[in-house]
N, C-alpha and C. Protein backbone atom coordinates (compact mmCIF):
# COMPACT_ATOMS: atom_id res chain seq x y z
N MET A 1 89.20 37.72 136.69
CA MET A 1 88.29 38.26 137.72
C MET A 1 86.86 38.24 137.17
N ASP A 2 85.94 37.57 137.91
CA ASP A 2 84.57 37.49 137.41
C ASP A 2 83.82 38.78 137.71
N ASN A 3 82.57 38.84 137.23
CA ASN A 3 81.78 40.07 137.36
C ASN A 3 81.53 40.44 138.82
N GLN A 4 81.30 39.43 139.66
CA GLN A 4 81.02 39.71 141.08
C GLN A 4 82.24 40.33 141.75
N GLN A 5 83.42 39.80 141.44
CA GLN A 5 84.65 40.35 142.02
C GLN A 5 84.90 41.77 141.53
N GLN A 6 84.64 42.01 140.24
CA GLN A 6 84.81 43.35 139.70
C GLN A 6 83.87 44.34 140.37
N GLN A 7 82.63 43.88 140.62
CA GLN A 7 81.66 44.74 141.28
C GLN A 7 82.09 45.06 142.70
N MET A 8 82.61 44.06 143.41
CA MET A 8 83.08 44.27 144.78
C MET A 8 84.26 45.23 144.81
N LYS A 9 85.16 45.11 143.83
CA LYS A 9 86.32 46.01 143.76
C LYS A 9 85.87 47.44 143.50
N LEU A 10 84.91 47.61 142.59
CA LEU A 10 84.39 48.93 142.27
C LEU A 10 83.74 49.58 143.49
N GLN A 11 82.96 48.79 144.24
CA GLN A 11 82.31 49.32 145.44
C GLN A 11 83.34 49.72 146.49
N ALA A 12 84.41 48.94 146.61
CA ALA A 12 85.46 49.27 147.57
C ALA A 12 86.15 50.57 147.19
N GLU A 13 86.41 50.77 145.88
CA GLU A 13 87.04 52.01 145.42
C GLU A 13 86.14 53.20 145.67
N GLN A 14 84.84 53.02 145.45
CA GLN A 14 83.89 54.11 145.68
C GLN A 14 83.83 54.50 147.14
N ARG A 15 83.88 53.48 148.03
CA ARG A 15 83.87 53.76 149.47
C ARG A 15 85.12 54.53 149.86
N CYS A 16 86.24 54.16 149.25
CA CYS A 16 87.50 54.85 149.54
C CYS A 16 87.43 56.30 149.09
N LEU A 17 86.92 56.53 147.88
CA LEU A 17 86.83 57.89 147.36
C LEU A 17 85.85 58.73 148.16
N SER A 18 84.77 58.10 148.65
CA SER A 18 83.78 58.86 149.39
C SER A 18 84.32 59.38 150.71
N LYS A 19 85.42 58.76 151.19
CA LYS A 19 86.02 59.20 152.45
C LYS A 19 87.10 60.25 152.24
N ARG A 20 87.38 60.55 150.98
CA ARG A 20 88.41 61.55 150.69
C ARG A 20 87.97 62.90 151.23
N PRO A 21 88.82 63.61 151.97
CA PRO A 21 88.40 64.88 152.57
C PRO A 21 88.06 65.93 151.52
N LEU A 22 87.03 66.68 151.79
CA LEU A 22 86.66 67.79 150.92
C LEU A 22 87.45 69.05 151.27
N GLY A 23 88.22 68.99 152.33
CA GLY A 23 88.91 70.17 152.82
C GLY A 23 88.09 70.79 153.94
N PRO A 24 88.61 71.82 154.58
CA PRO A 24 87.87 72.49 155.65
C PRO A 24 86.52 72.98 155.15
N PRO A 25 85.52 73.02 156.00
CA PRO A 25 84.19 73.43 155.55
C PRO A 25 84.17 74.86 155.04
N HIS A 26 83.48 75.07 153.92
CA HIS A 26 83.32 76.41 153.38
C HIS A 26 82.42 77.21 154.32
N ARG A 27 82.82 78.41 154.64
CA ARG A 27 82.00 79.25 155.51
C ARG A 27 81.14 80.17 154.64
N LYS A 28 80.02 79.64 154.21
CA LYS A 28 79.12 80.40 153.36
C LYS A 28 78.23 81.29 154.22
N SER A 29 77.80 82.39 153.63
CA SER A 29 76.84 83.25 154.31
C SER A 29 75.50 82.52 154.42
N SER A 30 74.71 82.92 155.37
CA SER A 30 73.40 82.30 155.55
C SER A 30 72.45 82.78 154.46
N LEU A 31 71.44 81.96 154.18
CA LEU A 31 70.43 82.33 153.18
C LEU A 31 69.71 83.62 153.55
N PRO A 32 69.31 83.80 154.82
CA PRO A 32 68.66 85.09 155.16
C PRO A 32 69.54 86.30 154.87
N LYS A 33 70.85 86.17 155.10
CA LYS A 33 71.74 87.29 154.79
C LYS A 33 71.77 87.55 153.29
N HIS A 34 71.86 86.48 152.49
CA HIS A 34 71.84 86.64 151.03
C HIS A 34 70.57 87.34 150.59
N GLN A 35 69.46 86.90 151.12
CA GLN A 35 68.17 87.47 150.73
C GLN A 35 68.07 88.94 151.11
N GLU A 36 68.59 89.28 152.27
CA GLU A 36 68.56 90.67 152.71
C GLU A 36 69.45 91.54 151.83
N VAL A 37 70.62 91.03 151.46
CA VAL A 37 71.52 91.78 150.58
C VAL A 37 70.86 91.99 149.22
N LYS A 38 70.21 90.95 148.70
CA LYS A 38 69.54 91.10 147.40
C LYS A 38 68.40 92.10 147.49
N ARG A 39 67.62 92.03 148.57
CA ARG A 39 66.51 92.98 148.75
C ARG A 39 67.03 94.41 148.77
N ARG A 40 68.10 94.62 149.52
CA ARG A 40 68.69 95.95 149.62
C ARG A 40 69.25 96.41 148.27
N PHE A 41 69.93 95.50 147.56
CA PHE A 41 70.50 95.85 146.26
C PHE A 41 69.41 96.24 145.27
N LEU A 42 68.32 95.49 145.24
CA LEU A 42 67.24 95.80 144.31
C LEU A 42 66.55 97.12 144.65
N GLU A 43 66.64 97.53 145.90
CA GLU A 43 66.08 98.82 146.30
C GLU A 43 66.90 99.98 145.75
N ILE A 44 68.21 99.78 145.62
CA ILE A 44 69.10 100.89 145.27
C ILE A 44 69.67 100.80 143.87
N CYS A 45 69.46 99.69 143.17
CA CYS A 45 70.18 99.45 141.91
C CYS A 45 69.82 100.43 140.79
N ASP A 46 68.67 101.09 140.90
CA ASP A 46 68.30 102.06 139.87
C ASP A 46 68.75 103.48 140.21
N THR A 47 69.39 103.63 141.34
CA THR A 47 69.90 104.95 141.73
C THR A 47 71.31 105.13 141.18
N THR A 48 71.79 106.36 141.22
CA THR A 48 73.13 106.68 140.73
C THR A 48 73.96 107.27 141.87
N PHE A 49 75.17 106.79 142.01
CA PHE A 49 76.06 107.35 143.02
C PHE A 49 76.41 108.79 142.65
N SER A 50 76.76 109.56 143.65
CA SER A 50 77.14 110.96 143.41
C SER A 50 78.41 111.01 142.57
N GLU A 51 78.65 112.15 141.96
CA GLU A 51 79.86 112.32 141.17
C GLU A 51 81.10 112.16 142.04
N GLU A 52 81.00 112.57 143.29
CA GLU A 52 82.13 112.42 144.22
C GLU A 52 82.49 110.95 144.41
N VAL A 53 81.48 110.11 144.61
CA VAL A 53 81.72 108.68 144.79
C VAL A 53 82.25 108.06 143.51
N ARG A 54 81.66 108.41 142.38
CA ARG A 54 82.10 107.84 141.10
C ARG A 54 83.53 108.26 140.76
N ALA A 55 83.89 109.48 141.14
CA ALA A 55 85.27 109.94 140.93
C ALA A 55 86.23 109.16 141.82
N ALA A 56 85.83 108.92 143.06
CA ALA A 56 86.67 108.15 143.98
C ALA A 56 86.83 106.71 143.51
N LEU A 57 85.77 106.16 142.92
CA LEU A 57 85.80 104.78 142.43
C LEU A 57 86.84 104.60 141.33
N ARG A 58 87.16 105.67 140.63
CA ARG A 58 88.14 105.60 139.53
C ARG A 58 89.58 105.65 140.02
N LEU A 59 89.77 105.80 141.33
CA LEU A 59 91.12 105.94 141.88
C LEU A 59 91.57 104.66 142.58
N PRO A 60 92.87 104.35 142.51
CA PRO A 60 93.38 103.13 143.16
C PRO A 60 93.20 103.12 144.67
N ALA A 61 93.07 104.29 145.29
CA ALA A 61 93.00 104.37 146.75
C ALA A 61 91.56 104.27 147.27
N PHE A 62 90.61 103.86 146.45
CA PHE A 62 89.21 103.78 146.89
C PHE A 62 89.08 102.86 148.10
N ASP A 63 88.35 103.30 149.12
CA ASP A 63 88.16 102.52 150.34
C ASP A 63 86.81 101.81 150.28
N SER A 64 86.85 100.49 150.14
CA SER A 64 85.60 99.72 150.00
C SER A 64 84.98 99.37 151.35
N TYR A 65 85.74 99.53 152.42
CA TYR A 65 85.27 99.00 153.71
C TYR A 65 84.24 99.89 154.40
N GLU A 66 83.95 101.03 153.83
CA GLU A 66 82.89 101.86 154.39
C GLU A 66 81.53 101.53 153.78
N TRP A 67 81.50 100.54 152.87
CA TRP A 67 80.28 100.20 152.15
C TRP A 67 79.79 98.81 152.55
N GLY A 68 78.46 98.64 152.59
CA GLY A 68 77.87 97.34 152.84
C GLY A 68 77.90 96.48 151.58
N ASP A 69 77.55 95.20 151.73
CA ASP A 69 77.62 94.28 150.60
C ASP A 69 76.72 94.70 149.44
N ALA A 70 75.50 95.14 149.74
CA ALA A 70 74.59 95.57 148.67
C ALA A 70 75.16 96.78 147.93
N ASP A 71 75.77 97.69 148.67
CA ASP A 71 76.39 98.86 148.04
C ASP A 71 77.56 98.45 147.16
N VAL A 72 78.32 97.46 147.60
CA VAL A 72 79.46 97.00 146.82
C VAL A 72 78.99 96.38 145.50
N ILE A 73 77.91 95.61 145.54
CA ILE A 73 77.35 95.07 144.30
C ILE A 73 76.93 96.21 143.38
N HIS A 74 76.32 97.23 143.97
CA HIS A 74 75.91 98.41 143.20
C HIS A 74 77.12 99.12 142.60
N LEU A 75 78.20 99.20 143.35
CA LEU A 75 79.43 99.82 142.83
C LEU A 75 79.98 99.03 141.64
N MET A 76 79.88 97.70 141.72
CA MET A 76 80.32 96.88 140.58
C MET A 76 79.45 97.16 139.36
N GLN A 77 78.15 97.26 139.58
CA GLN A 77 77.26 97.61 138.47
C GLN A 77 77.68 98.95 137.86
N THR A 78 78.06 99.89 138.72
CA THR A 78 78.47 101.21 138.26
C THR A 78 79.69 101.13 137.35
N MET A 79 80.61 100.21 137.63
CA MET A 79 81.78 100.04 136.77
C MET A 79 81.36 99.69 135.35
N PHE A 80 80.42 98.76 135.22
CA PHE A 80 79.94 98.36 133.89
C PHE A 80 79.25 99.53 133.18
N VAL A 81 78.49 100.30 133.95
CA VAL A 81 77.79 101.46 133.38
C VAL A 81 78.79 102.51 132.91
N GLU A 82 79.74 102.85 133.79
CA GLU A 82 80.70 103.92 133.49
C GLU A 82 81.61 103.57 132.31
N LEU A 83 81.91 102.28 132.14
CA LEU A 83 82.76 101.86 131.03
C LEU A 83 81.97 101.65 129.74
N GLY A 84 80.66 101.79 129.83
CA GLY A 84 79.82 101.66 128.64
C GLY A 84 79.61 100.24 128.18
N PHE A 85 79.90 99.26 129.04
CA PHE A 85 79.82 97.87 128.63
C PHE A 85 78.39 97.40 128.38
N ILE A 86 77.43 97.97 129.10
CA ILE A 86 76.04 97.55 128.93
C ILE A 86 75.57 97.83 127.51
N GLU A 87 75.89 99.01 127.00
CA GLU A 87 75.49 99.36 125.63
C GLU A 87 76.38 98.68 124.60
N LYS A 88 77.68 98.68 124.83
CA LYS A 88 78.60 98.15 123.82
C LYS A 88 78.41 96.66 123.58
N PHE A 89 78.03 95.92 124.63
CA PHE A 89 77.91 94.47 124.50
C PHE A 89 76.48 93.97 124.68
N SER A 90 75.53 94.90 124.63
CA SER A 90 74.10 94.55 124.73
C SER A 90 73.83 93.64 125.93
N ILE A 91 74.34 94.05 127.08
CA ILE A 91 74.12 93.27 128.31
C ILE A 91 72.82 93.74 128.95
N PRO A 92 71.82 92.89 129.05
CA PRO A 92 70.58 93.30 129.72
C PRO A 92 70.87 93.66 131.18
N VAL A 93 70.33 94.77 131.63
CA VAL A 93 70.63 95.24 132.98
C VAL A 93 70.18 94.22 134.03
N ASP A 94 69.01 93.62 133.84
CA ASP A 94 68.53 92.63 134.81
C ASP A 94 69.46 91.42 134.87
N THR A 95 70.02 91.05 133.72
CA THR A 95 70.96 89.92 133.68
C THR A 95 72.24 90.27 134.41
N LEU A 96 72.74 91.47 134.20
CA LEU A 96 73.94 91.92 134.90
C LEU A 96 73.71 91.90 136.41
N ARG A 97 72.57 92.37 136.85
CA ARG A 97 72.28 92.41 138.28
C ARG A 97 72.18 91.02 138.87
N GLU A 98 71.53 90.12 138.16
CA GLU A 98 71.40 88.75 138.65
C GLU A 98 72.77 88.07 138.71
N TRP A 99 73.59 88.31 137.69
CA TRP A 99 74.94 87.74 137.67
C TRP A 99 75.78 88.27 138.83
N LEU A 100 75.74 89.57 139.06
CA LEU A 100 76.51 90.16 140.16
C LEU A 100 76.07 89.59 141.50
N TYR A 101 74.76 89.41 141.67
CA TYR A 101 74.27 88.84 142.92
C TYR A 101 74.72 87.40 143.08
N GLU A 102 74.67 86.61 142.00
CA GLU A 102 75.11 85.22 142.08
C GLU A 102 76.61 85.13 142.36
N VAL A 103 77.37 86.04 141.79
CA VAL A 103 78.80 86.10 142.11
C VAL A 103 78.97 86.34 143.60
N TYR A 104 78.24 87.30 144.12
CA TYR A 104 78.29 87.58 145.56
C TYR A 104 77.99 86.32 146.38
N LYS A 105 76.94 85.60 146.00
CA LYS A 105 76.55 84.38 146.73
C LYS A 105 77.62 83.31 146.69
N HIS A 106 78.41 83.29 145.63
CA HIS A 106 79.39 82.22 145.46
C HIS A 106 80.77 82.56 146.02
N TYR A 107 80.85 83.63 146.78
CA TYR A 107 82.07 83.88 147.56
C TYR A 107 81.78 83.49 149.01
N ASN A 108 82.72 82.79 149.62
CA ASN A 108 82.54 82.30 150.98
C ASN A 108 83.04 83.31 152.01
N GLU A 109 82.58 83.17 153.22
CA GLU A 109 83.02 84.05 154.31
C GLU A 109 84.30 83.48 154.92
N VAL A 110 85.37 83.63 154.17
CA VAL A 110 86.70 83.20 154.61
C VAL A 110 87.52 84.45 154.88
N PRO A 111 88.64 84.32 155.60
CA PRO A 111 89.36 85.52 156.04
C PRO A 111 89.84 86.44 154.93
N PHE A 112 90.26 85.89 153.80
CA PHE A 112 90.86 86.77 152.78
C PHE A 112 90.17 86.67 151.42
N HIS A 113 90.05 85.46 150.87
CA HIS A 113 89.55 85.30 149.50
C HIS A 113 88.02 85.34 149.48
N ASN A 114 87.48 86.46 149.91
CA ASN A 114 86.04 86.62 150.06
C ASN A 114 85.51 87.66 149.07
N PHE A 115 84.24 88.02 149.20
CA PHE A 115 83.63 88.94 148.25
C PHE A 115 84.28 90.33 148.30
N ARG A 116 84.70 90.75 149.48
CA ARG A 116 85.34 92.06 149.60
C ARG A 116 86.67 92.07 148.84
N HIS A 117 87.40 90.97 148.93
CA HIS A 117 88.65 90.84 148.17
C HIS A 117 88.36 90.87 146.67
N CYS A 118 87.32 90.17 146.26
CA CYS A 118 86.90 90.18 144.85
C CYS A 118 86.67 91.62 144.38
N PHE A 119 85.96 92.40 145.19
CA PHE A 119 85.68 93.78 144.81
C PHE A 119 86.96 94.61 144.74
N CYS A 120 87.85 94.43 145.71
CA CYS A 120 89.09 95.22 145.73
C CYS A 120 89.92 94.97 144.47
N VAL A 121 90.00 93.72 144.05
CA VAL A 121 90.76 93.39 142.84
C VAL A 121 90.07 93.99 141.61
N ALA A 122 88.74 93.83 141.54
CA ALA A 122 88.00 94.36 140.40
C ALA A 122 88.07 95.89 140.35
N GLN A 123 87.97 96.52 141.52
CA GLN A 123 88.02 97.99 141.56
C GLN A 123 89.39 98.50 141.14
N MET A 124 90.45 97.80 141.53
CA MET A 124 91.79 98.21 141.10
C MET A 124 91.92 98.09 139.58
N MET A 125 91.36 97.02 139.02
CA MET A 125 91.39 96.86 137.57
C MET A 125 90.61 97.99 136.89
N TYR A 126 89.47 98.33 137.48
CA TYR A 126 88.66 99.43 136.96
C TYR A 126 89.43 100.75 137.01
N ALA A 127 90.10 101.00 138.14
CA ALA A 127 90.88 102.23 138.28
C ALA A 127 92.01 102.29 137.27
N ILE A 128 92.70 101.18 137.07
CA ILE A 128 93.79 101.13 136.09
C ILE A 128 93.24 101.37 134.68
N THR A 129 92.08 100.76 134.41
CA THR A 129 91.45 100.94 133.10
C THR A 129 91.17 102.41 132.83
N ARG A 130 90.67 103.11 133.86
CA ARG A 130 90.35 104.52 133.69
C ARG A 130 91.61 105.39 133.65
N GLN A 131 92.53 105.14 134.58
CA GLN A 131 93.71 105.99 134.69
C GLN A 131 94.66 105.82 133.50
N ALA A 132 94.76 104.59 132.99
CA ALA A 132 95.69 104.31 131.88
C ALA A 132 95.00 104.30 130.52
N ASN A 133 93.71 104.65 130.51
CA ASN A 133 92.95 104.70 129.26
C ASN A 133 93.06 103.39 128.48
N LEU A 134 92.83 102.29 129.19
CA LEU A 134 92.99 100.97 128.57
C LEU A 134 91.93 100.68 127.51
N LEU A 135 90.79 101.35 127.59
CA LEU A 135 89.77 101.13 126.56
C LEU A 135 90.32 101.45 125.18
N SER A 136 91.10 102.52 125.10
CA SER A 136 91.70 102.91 123.82
C SER A 136 92.93 102.08 123.50
N ARG A 137 93.68 101.72 124.53
CA ARG A 137 94.94 101.00 124.32
C ARG A 137 94.73 99.52 124.02
N LEU A 138 93.75 98.89 124.72
CA LEU A 138 93.55 97.45 124.57
C LEU A 138 92.29 97.11 123.78
N GLY A 139 91.25 97.90 123.96
CA GLY A 139 89.98 97.61 123.31
C GLY A 139 88.90 97.27 124.32
N ASP A 140 87.65 97.45 123.92
CA ASP A 140 86.51 97.24 124.82
C ASP A 140 86.41 95.79 125.29
N LEU A 141 86.51 94.85 124.35
CA LEU A 141 86.33 93.44 124.71
C LEU A 141 87.40 92.98 125.69
N GLU A 142 88.64 93.37 125.44
CA GLU A 142 89.73 92.97 126.34
C GLU A 142 89.52 93.54 127.74
N CYS A 143 89.04 94.77 127.83
CA CYS A 143 88.81 95.38 129.14
C CYS A 143 87.63 94.72 129.85
N LEU A 144 86.61 94.34 129.10
CA LEU A 144 85.50 93.60 129.70
C LEU A 144 85.99 92.27 130.27
N ILE A 145 86.81 91.57 129.50
CA ILE A 145 87.35 90.29 129.95
C ILE A 145 88.18 90.47 131.22
N LEU A 146 88.99 91.52 131.26
CA LEU A 146 89.82 91.78 132.45
C LEU A 146 88.95 92.02 133.68
N LEU A 147 87.90 92.83 133.53
CA LEU A 147 87.05 93.14 134.67
C LEU A 147 86.29 91.91 135.15
N VAL A 148 85.71 91.16 134.22
CA VAL A 148 84.97 89.95 134.60
C VAL A 148 85.90 88.93 135.24
N SER A 149 87.11 88.81 134.73
CA SER A 149 88.08 87.87 135.30
C SER A 149 88.43 88.25 136.73
N CYS A 150 88.60 89.53 136.98
CA CYS A 150 88.90 89.98 138.34
C CYS A 150 87.74 89.68 139.29
N ILE A 151 86.52 89.89 138.81
CA ILE A 151 85.35 89.64 139.65
C ILE A 151 85.22 88.15 139.99
N CYS A 152 85.57 87.29 139.04
CA CYS A 152 85.35 85.85 139.21
C CYS A 152 86.58 85.09 139.72
N HIS A 153 87.70 85.77 139.92
CA HIS A 153 88.97 85.05 140.04
C HIS A 153 89.09 84.16 141.27
N ASP A 154 88.28 84.35 142.30
CA ASP A 154 88.37 83.51 143.50
C ASP A 154 87.02 82.92 143.90
N LEU A 155 86.13 82.72 142.95
CA LEU A 155 84.80 82.19 143.24
C LEU A 155 84.87 80.89 144.04
N ASP A 156 84.06 80.82 145.09
CA ASP A 156 83.93 79.62 145.93
C ASP A 156 85.27 79.17 146.53
N HIS A 157 86.13 80.13 146.83
CA HIS A 157 87.42 79.78 147.46
C HIS A 157 87.16 79.23 148.86
N PRO A 158 87.73 78.06 149.18
CA PRO A 158 87.47 77.45 150.49
C PRO A 158 88.32 78.03 151.62
N GLY A 159 89.27 78.90 151.28
CA GLY A 159 90.07 79.52 152.33
C GLY A 159 91.41 78.85 152.57
N TYR A 160 91.70 77.76 151.86
CA TYR A 160 92.97 77.05 152.00
C TYR A 160 93.59 76.89 150.62
N ASN A 161 94.92 77.02 150.54
CA ASN A 161 95.58 77.13 149.24
C ASN A 161 95.77 75.79 148.54
N ASN A 162 96.40 75.86 147.37
CA ASN A 162 96.60 74.65 146.56
C ASN A 162 97.48 73.63 147.26
N ILE A 163 98.48 74.09 147.99
CA ILE A 163 99.37 73.15 148.68
C ILE A 163 98.57 72.31 149.68
N TYR A 164 97.67 72.98 150.40
CA TYR A 164 96.81 72.23 151.33
C TYR A 164 95.94 71.24 150.57
N GLN A 165 95.31 71.70 149.48
CA GLN A 165 94.42 70.82 148.72
C GLN A 165 95.15 69.55 148.27
N ILE A 166 96.37 69.74 147.78
CA ILE A 166 97.13 68.60 147.25
C ILE A 166 97.60 67.69 148.37
N ASN A 167 98.15 68.28 149.44
CA ASN A 167 98.67 67.46 150.54
C ASN A 167 97.56 66.73 151.29
N ALA A 168 96.39 67.36 151.40
CA ALA A 168 95.27 66.72 152.08
C ALA A 168 94.48 65.81 151.16
N ARG A 169 94.85 65.79 149.89
CA ARG A 169 94.19 64.94 148.89
C ARG A 169 92.68 65.19 148.90
N THR A 170 92.33 66.45 148.79
CA THR A 170 90.92 66.84 148.84
C THR A 170 90.22 66.49 147.53
N GLU A 171 88.91 66.67 147.54
CA GLU A 171 88.11 66.40 146.35
C GLU A 171 88.54 67.28 145.18
N LEU A 172 88.87 68.54 145.46
CA LEU A 172 89.31 69.43 144.38
C LEU A 172 90.63 68.96 143.78
N ALA A 173 91.56 68.52 144.63
CA ALA A 173 92.84 68.03 144.12
C ALA A 173 92.64 66.77 143.28
N LEU A 174 91.75 65.91 143.72
CA LEU A 174 91.45 64.70 142.95
C LEU A 174 90.81 65.05 141.61
N ARG A 175 89.86 65.96 141.64
CA ARG A 175 89.11 66.32 140.43
C ARG A 175 90.03 66.88 139.36
N TYR A 176 91.02 67.68 139.78
CA TYR A 176 91.88 68.36 138.81
C TYR A 176 93.29 67.78 138.77
N ASN A 177 93.44 66.58 139.31
CA ASN A 177 94.70 65.84 139.21
C ASN A 177 95.89 66.66 139.73
N ASP A 178 95.66 67.39 140.83
CA ASP A 178 96.69 68.19 141.49
C ASP A 178 97.21 69.35 140.64
N ILE A 179 96.54 69.66 139.55
CA ILE A 179 96.98 70.74 138.66
C ILE A 179 96.15 71.99 138.94
N SER A 180 96.74 72.93 139.68
CA SER A 180 96.06 74.19 140.02
C SER A 180 94.59 73.95 140.39
N PRO A 181 94.32 73.13 141.40
CA PRO A 181 92.92 72.79 141.69
C PRO A 181 92.03 73.99 141.98
N LEU A 182 92.54 74.98 142.72
CA LEU A 182 91.70 76.13 143.04
C LEU A 182 91.41 76.97 141.81
N GLU A 183 92.43 77.25 141.01
CA GLU A 183 92.22 78.07 139.82
C GLU A 183 91.24 77.41 138.85
N ASN A 184 91.39 76.10 138.69
CA ASN A 184 90.46 75.37 137.84
C ASN A 184 89.04 75.43 138.40
N HIS A 185 88.94 75.35 139.72
CA HIS A 185 87.62 75.40 140.36
C HIS A 185 86.97 76.77 140.19
N HIS A 186 87.73 77.84 140.42
CA HIS A 186 87.17 79.18 140.25
C HIS A 186 86.65 79.37 138.82
N CYS A 187 87.44 78.94 137.86
CA CYS A 187 87.05 79.08 136.46
C CYS A 187 85.80 78.26 136.15
N SER A 188 85.75 77.06 136.70
CA SER A 188 84.59 76.19 136.48
C SER A 188 83.32 76.83 137.03
N ILE A 189 83.39 77.38 138.23
CA ILE A 189 82.22 78.02 138.83
C ILE A 189 81.78 79.22 137.99
N ALA A 190 82.75 79.98 137.49
CA ALA A 190 82.42 81.15 136.67
C ALA A 190 81.61 80.75 135.44
N PHE A 191 82.05 79.69 134.77
CA PHE A 191 81.34 79.26 133.57
C PHE A 191 80.01 78.58 133.91
N ARG A 192 79.94 77.95 135.07
CA ARG A 192 78.67 77.35 135.49
C ARG A 192 77.61 78.43 135.71
N LEU A 193 78.02 79.56 136.27
CA LEU A 193 77.07 80.66 136.45
C LEU A 193 76.53 81.14 135.10
N LEU A 194 77.41 81.18 134.11
CA LEU A 194 77.00 81.65 132.79
C LEU A 194 76.09 80.65 132.07
N GLU A 195 76.03 79.43 132.58
CA GLU A 195 75.13 78.43 131.98
C GLU A 195 73.67 78.77 132.24
N HIS A 196 73.41 79.59 133.25
CA HIS A 196 72.04 79.98 133.56
C HIS A 196 71.68 81.22 132.73
N PRO A 197 70.65 81.12 131.89
CA PRO A 197 70.31 82.25 131.00
C PRO A 197 70.11 83.57 131.74
N GLU A 198 69.54 83.50 132.95
CA GLU A 198 69.27 84.73 133.69
C GLU A 198 70.55 85.38 134.22
N CYS A 199 71.68 84.64 134.15
CA CYS A 199 72.96 85.16 134.63
C CYS A 199 73.99 85.35 133.52
N ASN A 200 73.64 84.98 132.31
CA ASN A 200 74.62 84.97 131.22
C ASN A 200 74.78 86.37 130.62
N ILE A 201 75.74 87.11 131.14
CA ILE A 201 75.97 88.47 130.65
C ILE A 201 76.54 88.47 129.24
N PHE A 202 76.96 87.30 128.75
CA PHE A 202 77.50 87.20 127.39
C PHE A 202 76.47 86.62 126.42
N LYS A 203 75.21 86.61 126.80
CA LYS A 203 74.20 85.92 125.99
C LYS A 203 74.05 86.50 124.59
N ASN A 204 74.41 87.75 124.40
CA ASN A 204 74.27 88.37 123.08
C ASN A 204 75.57 88.37 122.28
N PHE A 205 76.57 87.65 122.79
CA PHE A 205 77.81 87.49 122.05
C PHE A 205 77.62 86.47 120.94
N GLY A 206 78.34 86.65 119.85
CA GLY A 206 78.40 85.61 118.84
C GLY A 206 79.19 84.43 119.37
N ARG A 207 79.04 83.29 118.73
CA ARG A 207 79.68 82.07 119.23
C ARG A 207 81.20 82.21 119.30
N ASP A 208 81.80 82.77 118.25
CA ASP A 208 83.26 82.90 118.23
C ASP A 208 83.75 83.87 119.31
N THR A 209 83.03 84.96 119.51
CA THR A 209 83.41 85.92 120.54
C THR A 209 83.31 85.30 121.92
N PHE A 210 82.25 84.54 122.17
CA PHE A 210 82.08 83.90 123.47
C PHE A 210 83.21 82.91 123.74
N LYS A 211 83.60 82.15 122.72
CA LYS A 211 84.68 81.17 122.90
C LYS A 211 86.01 81.88 123.14
C-alpha cells in the first residue's frame, strides 16, 4: 500500500470515528446560573451555619433539599472545616472554594447523578465519619480521601449507564475500551480539575502523599 492509499485509509477511519455517537446530550446548567450560584456562594462563604444546622449535618437523616445550590456548596465547605482538614492538610480556603465551585459546575442537570446526589453521598460519608469516629479509627488522610472521592464520584455523568455507553459505542466507551467507561471518566475529570493550581486542594501535599 503506497503513501496515498494509506492516507486515504486514515482519513476514512477518522471520518468513521467522528460519526461515533457521544451519547445523549449532557444537560449542563447555563452559564448565568453558574455565575449566580458562585456570586451567592461568595457572599455567604465566610459565614458560619448555626449549631443546629451543623449538628443536623452530622446526622444521616440530613435533608439537603431545603437548601439552594450555593448553600449546598457552603455546607460542603463546612464539612472540611468541621473535620479540621483545612488546617491538617494546609488547604488554602480560596483554593477549597474554587475547587468546590468547579465540582459543582462539572455535574450535569440529569435526573439522578447530579450535584444534589453528589452532596447526598458526601454528606452521608461525613455523617458516618462523625458518628463512627473514623478520624481516630482510619486516620485523617484516609477520611479526606473518602470525602473527596464521594464528592467527585459522578463528575460529568451524562445520565446514561455503562451498558448504554458500551452498546451505543459512544466516545467514552471507545476511549476506555469498554472498561468501566463512566468510572474512568469521573476519575479523569477529578484529576483534571486538580491540574489547575487554583483548584488543587492537594497542592501542599508531598509527592508521595499525592500519588
